[in-house]
Amino acid sequence: MSSVLLLWVLLSVICQADSVPEKPKRSALNQLTRTLLRRYDCGVRPVLNWTSPTVVYIDIILQSVLDVDGQTQKVTTSIWYRQIWKDEFLVWDPEEFDGITEISLSSDAIWVPDVIISEFVDEGKSPVIPYVYVNSSGIVKNYKPIQVVSACDLEIYAFPFDKQNCTLTFRSWLHSVNEVDLALWRSAEVIANDTREFMNDGEWELLSIPSHYWKMNLADRDYAHIQFNLLIRRRPLLYVVSVLIPSIFLMVVDVTSFYLPPNSGTRITFKTNILLGYTVFRVNMMDEIPATAIKTPLIGVFFAVCMALLVISLAKSIFVVKLLHHNEKEVKEMSISACLLDKYGSTTQTFSESLFTSVRTLDDLDQSGGYEFDLSPEADLLSLTEAQDGTPQLEKVLQEVVSLKLYLQEEENEGTAQADWLALCYKVDKFLFRIYLLILLIYSSTLLFLWSSWSSG
C-alpha cells in the first residue's frame, strides 16, 4: 500500500514538472546589445588610447533648394547627411553571436561627435532618426536627412540671372583636432560632381559642390573644419516671361505713341494711361523681386528707369502741346485785326454789318459814276485825303475798306506764321523723340549685355 502511494506521488510530481513552462532563452541580438552597452559610458570619447584622435568622416548629398530669402539672407536646403567614425568600445566577434555583423543602436546610448554647421541659424523641419548602425569592427554610421536653414551672403544684383555660393561648414563645437578630427568620406572630385539626387525641376540649378578641409587656430588650439560650397544658379525663364517681357512691351507701346499727332490731345491721354498701367504692373510685381536693405537688384533699377522714361516722355509731349497753344494765343494778342475787332465790336453795329453796308455804298457810288476807288495800298492815303472834302458817310466807308484790307493781310500773315510755327514744333518733337529713343536704346543695350553675360557665364 505504501509502495503504491509512493508511486502515485512520484507521478504527480512528474506531471507538475511537465506542466511548468520553460523559460525562453535570450536571442543573440539581445545578448549582443546587452554585452556592448553593459559597461558603456556615452560621455567618454570611445578610444583605448586617449592621445589618439577620433576621426569623423563627413559626407553630404544635396537633394533640393527649398527657399532663398534675399531680405533675411537665409537659404533653406534639404541634404542627406552621413557621419562615420570608429567606436573602439563597440567591437565584437560575429561568431560568438550567431554571425551578427551589424546592429542598430540608439544614438542616445552611445557617444556621438558634437559636429555642427557653423552657418546654422534656424531649426528646420528635419525628421528624427533615433538609431545608428554599428558593425563588428566598431564603425558607426549615422545617416539622416536634414533640413538646413543657413545664413548665406546672397548676391541678388544680377537677378534673375544670378548665381549663389552658399557654404556649409562642419566643425566640432568643443573638441580640438587632437581629440576629434574631420575628413571627407568620399573624394572632393566625386562630391563636387554628384548631382544625381538633386531635384532639377525647381527654380534653382545645381552647378557643383566643391569642398575642402582646413584648420582654424583659436587659443593655441587647432580646430578642424570641412567646408562645402553649394554653387547654384537661378533659372530666369519664369521672371523673363512674367516680369521683363511685359515691361518691354509697355515701353515699345510708349515709343510708338510718338507717331500720334502732337497737336491732338490723344497723345497725352494715351501716354498717361501707359504710365498708370505701368505703375499698377510695378506694384503687382513687388513680391516677385527680392530686395535687401543694402543692395537693389538691377531689375529694380530697370523698373525705376523705365518709369522715369515714361514720365519724361509724357513731359516732352506736354511741352510740345504747350508750344502749339502758346503760339496761337500770342499771335491773336499781337494781331492788328484783333485790335480792330475790339474797336468796332464796341459800337452798335457789328463788324460784318459795317462791312456789308460799306460794300453796298461803294456799289451805289460806282453805279452813279460819282466816285472811283483804287483799293491798292498806294492809294490808301490819297483816298483818305480826298475823302475829307466829301461827305462823312464816304469817309466812314473808306476807313472800313482800309480796315478790311489790313484784316485780310493780317489773317494771311497769321496763317503763314502759324504754319511755320507748327512746322517748327514738329521738328522739335522729332528732335526730342530721337534723343529719347537714343537714351532708351543705350540703356536697353547695356542691360541686355550685362544680363546676357551673366546668363552665359
Protein backbone atom coordinates (compact mmCIF):
# COMPACT_ATOMS: atom_id res chain seq x y z
CA MET A 1 0.00 0.00 0.00
CA SER A 2 2.81 2.32 0.83
CA SER A 3 4.60 1.48 -2.41
CA VAL A 4 1.50 2.30 -4.41
CA LEU A 5 1.17 5.64 -2.60
CA LEU A 6 4.79 6.45 -3.23
CA LEU A 7 4.41 5.67 -6.92
CA TRP A 8 1.39 7.94 -7.14
CA VAL A 9 3.29 10.83 -5.53
CA LEU A 10 6.16 10.44 -7.98
CA LEU A 11 3.79 10.51 -10.94
CA SER A 12 2.12 13.67 -9.63
CA VAL A 13 5.47 15.44 -9.23
CA ILE A 14 6.49 14.48 -12.78
CA CYS A 15 3.21 15.76 -14.21
CA GLN A 16 3.55 19.08 -12.38
CA ALA A 17 7.13 19.45 -13.64
CA ASP A 18 5.96 18.91 -17.24
CA SER A 19 3.19 21.50 -16.87
CA VAL A 20 5.60 24.35 -15.78
CA PRO A 21 6.57 26.48 -18.91
CA GLU A 22 10.24 26.58 -19.82
CA LYS A 23 11.97 29.98 -19.51
CA PRO A 24 12.80 31.31 -23.02
CA LYS A 25 16.40 31.83 -24.00
CA ARG A 26 17.65 35.32 -24.86
CA SER A 27 18.24 35.99 -28.55
CA ALA A 28 21.72 36.55 -29.88
CA LEU A 29 20.83 40.15 -30.82
CA ASN A 30 19.59 40.85 -27.32
CA GLN A 31 22.68 39.30 -25.77
CA LEU A 32 24.95 41.30 -28.09
CA THR A 33 23.22 44.58 -27.24
CA ARG A 34 23.41 43.89 -23.52
CA THR A 35 27.05 42.90 -23.81
CA LEU A 36 28.05 46.04 -25.71
CA LEU A 37 26.14 48.51 -23.52
CA ARG A 38 26.62 46.85 -20.12
CA ARG A 39 29.62 48.96 -19.15
CA TYR A 40 29.44 51.58 -21.89
CA ASP A 41 29.72 55.28 -20.93
CA CYS A 42 28.31 57.57 -23.61
CA GLY A 43 30.07 60.58 -22.12
CA VAL A 44 33.58 59.27 -22.80
CA ARG A 45 35.29 59.53 -26.17
CA PRO A 46 35.50 55.90 -27.46
CA VAL A 47 39.26 55.36 -27.76
CA LEU A 48 41.52 52.97 -25.89
CA ASN A 49 44.44 55.39 -26.07
CA TRP A 50 43.27 58.85 -25.10
CA THR A 51 46.02 60.52 -27.17
CA SER A 52 44.57 59.07 -30.37
CA PRO A 53 42.08 61.39 -32.12
CA THR A 54 38.69 60.18 -33.23
CA VAL A 55 38.41 60.72 -36.98
CA VAL A 56 34.88 61.62 -38.08
CA TYR A 57 34.18 61.24 -41.80
CA ILE A 58 31.68 63.70 -43.28
CA ASP A 59 29.63 63.37 -46.46
CA ILE A 60 26.60 65.23 -47.82
CA ILE A 61 24.28 64.83 -50.81
CA LEU A 62 22.22 67.89 -51.76
CA GLN A 63 18.62 66.98 -52.57
CA SER A 64 16.89 70.32 -53.15
CA VAL A 65 16.95 74.07 -52.55
CA LEU A 66 13.71 74.85 -50.76
CA ASP A 67 13.89 78.61 -50.28
CA VAL A 68 16.20 81.56 -50.89
CA ASP A 69 15.28 84.64 -48.85
CA GLY A 70 17.18 87.68 -50.05
CA GLN A 71 15.77 90.02 -47.42
CA THR A 72 16.88 87.92 -44.43
CA GLN A 73 19.89 86.41 -46.24
CA LYS A 74 18.84 82.84 -45.46
CA VAL A 75 18.84 79.68 -47.58
CA THR A 76 16.84 76.55 -46.79
CA THR A 77 18.25 73.32 -48.23
CA SER A 78 17.47 69.64 -47.87
CA ILE A 79 20.53 67.39 -47.62
CA TRP A 80 21.28 63.74 -46.95
CA TYR A 81 23.92 63.82 -44.19
CA ARG A 82 26.31 60.96 -43.49
CA GLN A 83 28.62 60.79 -40.49
CA ILE A 84 31.03 57.86 -39.91
CA TRP A 85 33.52 57.21 -37.10
CA LYS A 86 35.08 54.28 -35.23
CA ASP A 87 33.97 53.40 -31.71
CA GLU A 88 36.65 51.18 -30.17
CA PHE A 89 34.29 50.10 -27.38
CA LEU A 90 31.72 48.62 -29.77
CA VAL A 91 33.71 45.71 -31.19
CA TRP A 92 32.67 42.01 -31.10
CA ASP A 93 33.31 38.64 -32.72
CA PRO A 94 30.40 37.73 -35.03
CA GLU A 95 30.95 34.01 -34.49
CA GLU A 96 30.03 34.36 -30.82
CA PHE A 97 26.65 35.92 -31.66
CA ASP A 98 25.17 33.80 -34.45
CA GLY A 99 27.19 35.59 -37.14
CA ILE A 100 25.72 39.07 -36.47
CA THR A 101 27.94 41.63 -38.22
CA GLU A 102 25.83 44.79 -37.88
CA ILE A 103 23.23 46.05 -35.42
CA SER A 104 21.28 49.25 -34.80
CA LEU A 105 21.67 51.07 -31.51
CA SER A 106 20.01 54.09 -30.02
CA SER A 107 22.02 57.24 -30.69
CA ASP A 108 21.31 58.35 -27.11
CA ALA A 109 23.04 55.24 -25.72
CA ILE A 110 26.44 55.75 -27.37
CA TRP A 111 28.96 58.54 -27.86
CA VAL A 112 28.13 60.87 -30.78
CA PRO A 113 30.53 63.58 -32.02
CA ASP A 114 29.49 67.21 -31.47
CA VAL A 115 29.76 68.18 -35.13
CA ILE A 116 27.68 71.23 -36.05
CA ILE A 117 27.11 73.52 -39.06
CA SER A 118 28.62 76.97 -38.45
CA GLU A 119 26.10 78.75 -40.70
CA PHE A 120 23.12 77.17 -38.96
CA VAL A 121 20.62 79.91 -37.98
CA ASP A 122 17.28 78.18 -37.53
CA GLU A 123 15.89 74.76 -36.74
CA GLY A 124 14.44 73.14 -39.83
CA LYS A 125 11.73 70.52 -40.08
CA SER A 126 14.06 67.53 -40.05
CA PRO A 127 12.74 64.05 -39.22
CA VAL A 128 14.11 62.50 -36.03
CA ILE A 129 16.24 59.39 -36.66
CA PRO A 130 16.95 57.85 -33.22
CA TYR A 131 19.18 54.98 -34.35
CA VAL A 132 22.67 54.46 -35.78
CA TYR A 133 24.26 51.41 -37.40
CA VAL A 134 27.29 49.73 -35.79
CA ASN A 135 29.27 46.88 -37.38
CA SER A 136 31.51 44.33 -35.70
CA SER A 137 34.64 46.42 -36.36
CA GLY A 138 33.24 49.34 -34.37
CA ILE A 139 32.40 51.52 -37.39
CA VAL A 140 29.39 53.71 -36.53
CA LYS A 141 27.25 55.08 -39.37
CA ASN A 142 24.93 57.95 -38.64
CA TYR A 143 22.79 58.58 -41.73
CA LYS A 144 19.93 61.09 -41.62
CA PRO A 145 18.12 63.69 -43.75
CA ILE A 146 18.49 67.27 -42.56
CA GLN A 147 16.66 70.44 -43.49
CA VAL A 148 19.28 73.16 -43.04
CA VAL A 149 18.34 76.83 -42.63
CA SER A 150 21.69 78.58 -43.01
CA ALA A 151 22.97 82.11 -43.41
CA CYS A 152 24.29 83.00 -46.87
CA ASP A 153 25.74 86.14 -48.40
CA LEU A 154 23.32 86.40 -51.32
CA GLU A 155 24.31 88.42 -54.38
CA ILE A 156 20.99 89.42 -55.97
CA TYR A 157 22.22 92.33 -58.10
CA ALA A 158 22.09 90.17 -61.24
CA PHE A 159 18.56 88.86 -60.54
CA PRO A 160 17.05 86.90 -62.30
CA PHE A 161 20.36 85.76 -63.85
CA ASP A 162 22.12 85.40 -60.51
CA LYS A 163 24.36 82.67 -59.15
CA GLN A 164 24.76 81.97 -55.44
CA ASN A 165 27.64 80.48 -53.46
CA CYS A 166 26.39 79.30 -50.08
CA THR A 167 28.67 77.48 -47.67
CA LEU A 168 28.04 74.70 -45.16
CA THR A 169 30.95 74.45 -42.71
CA PHE A 170 31.12 71.40 -40.43
CA ARG A 171 33.22 71.58 -37.27
CA SER A 172 33.43 70.18 -33.76
CA TRP A 173 31.99 72.60 -31.25
CA LEU A 174 34.36 71.78 -28.35
CA HIS A 175 37.00 69.24 -29.38
CA SER A 176 40.26 70.29 -30.98
CA VAL A 177 41.89 68.44 -33.83
CA ASN A 178 43.91 66.39 -31.29
CA GLU A 179 40.65 64.93 -29.99
CA VAL A 180 38.21 64.98 -32.90
CA ASP A 181 39.48 65.31 -36.44
CA LEU A 182 37.37 65.58 -39.60
CA ALA A 183 37.82 64.06 -43.03
CA LEU A 184 35.86 63.56 -46.28
CA TRP A 185 34.22 60.16 -46.69
CA ARG A 186 34.38 60.47 -50.48
CA SER A 187 36.90 62.34 -52.60
CA ALA A 188 36.35 66.04 -53.26
CA GLU A 189 36.01 65.44 -57.02
CA VAL A 190 33.24 62.87 -56.56
CA ILE A 191 31.32 65.11 -54.17
CA ALA A 192 31.65 68.14 -56.47
CA ASN A 193 30.14 66.33 -59.46
CA ASP A 194 27.48 64.34 -57.61
CA THR A 195 24.16 65.85 -58.75
CA ARG A 196 22.18 62.64 -59.30
CA GLU A 197 19.93 63.11 -56.25
CA PHE A 198 19.27 66.81 -56.79
CA MET A 199 15.74 67.80 -57.83
CA ASN A 200 16.41 69.66 -61.07
CA ASP A 201 12.80 70.64 -61.79
CA GLY A 202 12.71 73.63 -59.46
CA GLU A 203 13.80 77.24 -59.72
CA TRP A 204 17.45 76.51 -58.93
CA GLU A 205 20.03 74.50 -60.82
CA LEU A 206 22.92 72.80 -59.00
CA LEU A 207 26.29 73.54 -60.63
CA SER A 208 28.73 71.80 -58.28
CA ILE A 209 29.64 71.27 -54.61
CA PRO A 210 33.36 71.91 -54.15
CA SER A 211 34.74 71.10 -50.70
CA HIS A 212 37.98 71.50 -48.78
CA TYR A 213 39.48 70.80 -45.37
CA TRP A 214 41.12 73.47 -43.25
CA LYS A 215 42.07 74.23 -39.66
CA MET A 216 41.40 77.27 -37.54
CA ASN A 217 43.71 78.21 -34.70
CA LEU A 218 41.93 79.51 -31.62
CA ALA A 219 43.54 79.94 -28.19
CA ASP A 220 46.61 77.94 -29.27
CA ARG A 221 44.45 75.03 -30.34
CA ASP A 222 43.61 73.88 -33.85
CA TYR A 223 40.04 73.06 -34.81
CA ALA A 224 39.21 71.04 -37.91
CA HIS A 225 36.75 72.38 -40.47
CA ILE A 226 35.24 70.93 -43.63
CA GLN A 227 33.53 73.45 -45.90
CA PHE A 228 31.09 72.60 -48.70
CA ASN A 229 30.32 75.34 -51.25
CA LEU A 230 26.86 74.98 -52.77
CA LEU A 231 27.08 76.62 -56.20
CA ILE A 232 23.56 77.14 -57.55
CA ARG A 233 22.11 79.16 -60.43
CA ARG A 234 18.60 80.54 -60.85
CA ARG A 235 16.55 79.62 -63.90
CA PRO A 236 15.43 83.02 -65.28
CA LEU A 237 12.73 81.93 -67.76
CA LEU A 238 9.81 82.46 -65.37
CA TYR A 239 10.88 86.01 -64.50
CA VAL A 240 11.70 86.90 -68.10
CA VAL A 241 8.21 85.91 -69.24
CA SER A 242 6.26 87.37 -66.32
CA VAL A 243 8.31 90.47 -65.50
CA LEU A 244 10.69 91.61 -68.23
CA ILE A 245 8.66 90.99 -71.40
CA PRO A 246 5.51 92.89 -70.22
CA SER A 247 7.69 95.81 -69.20
CA ILE A 248 9.43 95.84 -72.58
CA PHE A 249 6.05 95.71 -74.36
CA LEU A 250 4.83 98.76 -72.46
CA MET A 251 7.99 100.68 -73.39
CA VAL A 252 7.56 99.75 -77.07
CA VAL A 253 3.95 100.97 -76.98
CA ASP A 254 5.14 104.24 -75.45
CA VAL A 255 7.69 104.68 -78.23
CA THR A 256 5.07 104.06 -80.93
CA SER A 257 2.78 106.64 -79.33
CA PHE A 258 5.16 109.36 -80.58
CA TYR A 259 3.72 108.82 -84.05
CA LEU A 260 0.41 110.31 -82.88
CA PRO A 261 -0.05 113.97 -83.96
CA PRO A 262 1.31 116.29 -81.26
CA ASN A 263 -1.50 118.82 -81.75
CA SER A 264 -4.13 116.23 -80.77
CA GLY A 265 -4.99 115.55 -77.18
CA THR A 266 -4.99 111.78 -77.68
CA ARG A 267 -1.21 111.50 -77.31
CA ILE A 268 -1.15 112.89 -73.78
CA THR A 269 -4.16 110.78 -72.78
CA PHE A 270 -2.54 107.67 -74.26
CA LYS A 271 0.80 108.25 -72.50
CA THR A 272 -0.96 108.94 -69.20
CA ASN A 273 -2.76 105.60 -69.44
CA ILE A 274 0.54 103.83 -70.19
CA LEU A 275 2.17 105.40 -67.13
CA LEU A 276 -0.77 104.44 -64.94
CA GLY A 277 -0.75 100.86 -66.26
CA TYR A 278 3.00 100.55 -65.70
CA THR A 279 2.61 101.78 -62.12
CA VAL A 280 -0.05 99.13 -61.41
CA PHE A 281 2.16 96.48 -63.03
CA ARG A 282 5.13 97.55 -60.90
CA VAL A 283 3.11 97.36 -57.68
CA ASN A 284 1.90 93.86 -58.53
CA MET A 285 5.47 92.70 -59.20
CA MET A 286 6.84 93.89 -55.86
CA ASP A 287 6.61 90.43 -54.26
CA GLU A 288 8.35 88.76 -57.20
CA ILE A 289 11.57 90.74 -56.88
CA PRO A 290 13.97 90.04 -53.99
CA ALA A 291 15.20 93.00 -52.00
CA THR A 292 17.76 93.70 -49.32
CA ALA A 293 18.38 96.63 -47.04
CA ILE A 294 21.74 97.36 -48.70
CA LYS A 295 21.58 96.33 -52.35
CA THR A 296 18.91 96.70 -55.00
CA PRO A 297 18.83 94.24 -57.91
CA LEU A 298 19.47 95.60 -61.36
CA ILE A 299 15.93 94.73 -62.43
CA GLY A 300 14.65 97.12 -59.75
CA VAL A 301 16.79 99.86 -61.27
CA PHE A 302 15.42 98.84 -64.67
CA PHE A 303 11.84 99.36 -63.49
CA ALA A 304 12.68 102.71 -61.91
CA VAL A 305 14.42 103.96 -65.07
CA CYS A 306 11.56 102.75 -67.28
CA MET A 307 9.08 104.67 -65.15
CA ALA A 308 11.31 107.75 -65.30
CA LEU A 309 11.47 107.45 -69.10
CA LEU A 310 7.68 107.24 -69.26
CA VAL A 311 7.42 110.40 -67.16
CA ILE A 312 9.96 112.16 -69.39
CA SER A 313 8.03 111.04 -72.47
CA LEU A 314 4.80 112.44 -71.05
CA ALA A 315 6.51 115.71 -70.03
CA LYS A 316 8.00 116.05 -73.52
CA SER A 317 4.58 115.66 -75.15
CA ILE A 318 3.07 118.21 -72.76
CA PHE A 319 5.88 120.63 -73.64
CA VAL A 320 5.25 120.31 -77.39
CA VAL A 321 1.48 120.77 -76.98
CA LYS A 322 2.13 123.81 -74.79
CA LEU A 323 4.29 125.33 -77.54
CA LEU A 324 1.48 124.89 -80.07
CA HIS A 325 -1.19 126.55 -77.91
CA HIS A 326 1.21 129.23 -76.73
CA ASN A 327 1.75 130.31 -80.35
CA GLU A 328 -1.98 130.70 -81.10
CA LYS A 329 -2.54 132.84 -78.05
CA GLU A 330 0.38 135.18 -78.70
CA VAL A 331 -0.48 135.68 -82.39
CA LYS A 332 -4.03 136.53 -81.54
CA GLU A 333 -2.97 139.07 -78.90
CA MET A 334 -0.42 140.77 -81.16
CA SER A 335 -2.55 140.93 -84.36
CA ILE A 336 -3.82 144.28 -85.56
CA SER A 337 -7.05 142.73 -86.71
CA ALA A 338 -7.81 141.77 -83.13
CA CYS A 339 -7.48 145.43 -82.15
CA LEU A 340 -9.81 146.46 -84.97
CA LEU A 341 -12.31 143.81 -83.97
CA ASP A 342 -12.25 145.05 -80.41
CA LYS A 343 -12.75 148.64 -81.58
CA TYR A 344 -15.69 148.01 -83.87
CA GLY A 345 -17.16 145.42 -81.65
CA SER A 346 -17.92 148.13 -79.09
CA THR A 347 -20.24 150.04 -81.45
CA THR A 348 -23.89 149.27 -82.02
CA GLN A 349 -23.10 147.80 -85.41
CA THR A 350 -21.07 144.64 -85.75
CA PHE A 351 -18.06 144.42 -88.00
CA SER A 352 -19.81 142.20 -90.51
CA GLU A 353 -22.79 144.54 -90.72
CA SER A 354 -20.45 147.50 -91.24
CA LEU A 355 -18.64 145.64 -93.94
CA PHE A 356 -21.93 144.78 -95.70
CA THR A 357 -23.10 148.42 -95.54
CA SER A 358 -19.76 149.68 -96.89
CA VAL A 359 -19.82 147.34 -99.85
CA ARG A 360 -23.40 148.42 -100.76
CA THR A 361 -22.43 152.09 -100.54
CA LEU A 362 -19.43 151.54 -102.79
CA ASP A 363 -21.61 149.79 -105.33
CA ASP A 364 -24.14 152.65 -105.34
CA LEU A 365 -21.45 155.26 -105.81
CA ASP A 366 -19.78 153.30 -108.53
CA GLN A 367 -23.01 152.87 -110.44
CA SER A 368 -23.84 156.58 -110.21
CA GLY A 369 -20.41 157.42 -111.60
CA GLY A 370 -19.75 159.89 -108.85
CA TYR A 371 -16.55 158.33 -107.47
CA GLU A 372 -13.92 155.86 -108.49
CA PHE A 373 -11.87 154.00 -105.87
CA ASP A 374 -8.44 152.50 -106.06
CA LEU A 375 -8.02 149.81 -103.38
CA SER A 376 -4.30 149.46 -103.89
CA PRO A 377 -2.02 150.19 -100.90
CA GLU A 378 -0.52 153.31 -102.61
CA ALA A 379 -3.94 154.90 -102.94
CA ASP A 380 -4.97 154.49 -99.33
CA LEU A 381 -3.57 157.77 -98.04
CA LEU A 382 -4.72 159.72 -101.10
CA SER A 383 -8.22 158.31 -100.84
CA LEU A 384 -8.47 159.33 -97.23
CA THR A 385 -7.21 162.86 -98.03
CA GLU A 386 -9.66 163.33 -100.84
CA ALA A 387 -12.44 161.93 -98.74
CA GLN A 388 -12.04 164.80 -96.26
CA ASP A 389 -13.83 167.09 -98.72
CA GLY A 390 -16.67 164.60 -99.22
CA THR A 391 -19.49 163.53 -97.11
CA PRO A 392 -19.00 161.93 -93.64
CA GLN A 393 -20.53 158.72 -94.91
CA LEU A 394 -17.87 158.34 -97.58
CA GLU A 395 -15.13 158.92 -95.03
CA LYS A 396 -16.51 156.14 -92.86
CA VAL A 397 -16.70 153.79 -95.85
CA LEU A 398 -13.08 154.45 -96.75
CA GLN A 399 -11.94 153.75 -93.20
CA GLU A 400 -13.77 150.45 -93.15
CA VAL A 401 -12.31 149.42 -96.52
CA VAL A 402 -8.80 150.10 -95.23
CA SER A 403 -9.57 148.12 -92.07
CA LEU A 404 -10.85 145.25 -94.20
CA LYS A 405 -7.64 145.20 -96.26
CA LEU A 406 -5.47 145.24 -93.16
CA TYR A 407 -7.55 142.49 -91.63
CA LEU A 408 -7.17 140.26 -94.68
CA GLN A 409 -3.42 140.87 -94.82
CA GLU A 410 -3.05 140.13 -91.13
CA GLU A 411 -5.05 136.93 -91.47
CA GLU A 412 -2.77 135.80 -94.26
CA ASN A 413 0.35 136.66 -92.28
CA GLU A 414 -1.10 134.96 -89.23
CA GLY A 415 -1.84 131.77 -91.17
CA THR A 416 1.70 131.72 -92.56
CA ALA A 417 3.18 132.27 -89.08
CA GLN A 418 1.07 129.53 -87.61
CA ALA A 419 2.11 127.12 -90.34
CA ASP A 420 5.78 127.98 -89.77
CA TRP A 421 5.37 127.61 -86.03
CA LEU A 422 3.61 124.27 -86.45
CA ALA A 423 6.45 123.04 -88.65
CA LEU A 424 8.96 124.18 -86.03
CA CYS A 425 7.03 122.36 -83.29
CA TYR A 426 7.06 119.19 -85.37
CA LYS A 427 10.83 119.49 -85.76
CA VAL A 428 11.24 119.98 -82.00
CA ASP A 429 9.01 116.96 -81.39
CA LYS A 430 11.08 114.84 -83.78
CA PHE A 431 14.35 116.02 -82.23
CA LEU A 432 13.20 115.23 -78.68
CA PHE A 433 11.89 111.85 -79.85
CA ARG A 434 15.28 110.97 -81.31
CA ILE A 435 17.04 111.93 -78.09
CA TYR A 436 14.54 109.87 -76.07
CA LEU A 437 14.97 106.90 -78.41
CA LEU A 438 18.78 107.16 -78.22
CA ILE A 439 18.74 107.13 -74.40
CA LEU A 440 16.35 104.18 -74.39
CA LEU A 441 18.48 102.20 -76.84
CA ILE A 442 21.72 102.84 -74.92
CA TYR A 443 20.13 101.83 -71.63
CA SER A 444 18.47 98.72 -73.08
CA SER A 445 21.68 97.64 -74.82
CA THR A 446 23.64 97.97 -71.58
CA LEU A 447 21.12 95.88 -69.66
CA LEU A 448 20.94 93.21 -72.36
CA PHE A 449 24.73 92.97 -72.46
CA LEU A 450 25.00 92.59 -68.68
CA TRP A 451 22.18 90.05 -68.43
CA SER A 452 23.45 88.01 -71.40
CA SER A 453 26.98 87.90 -69.97
CA TRP A 454 25.64 86.79 -66.57
CA SER A 455 23.35 84.20 -68.16
CA SER A 456 26.06 82.67 -70.37
CA GLY A 457 28.65 82.80 -67.60
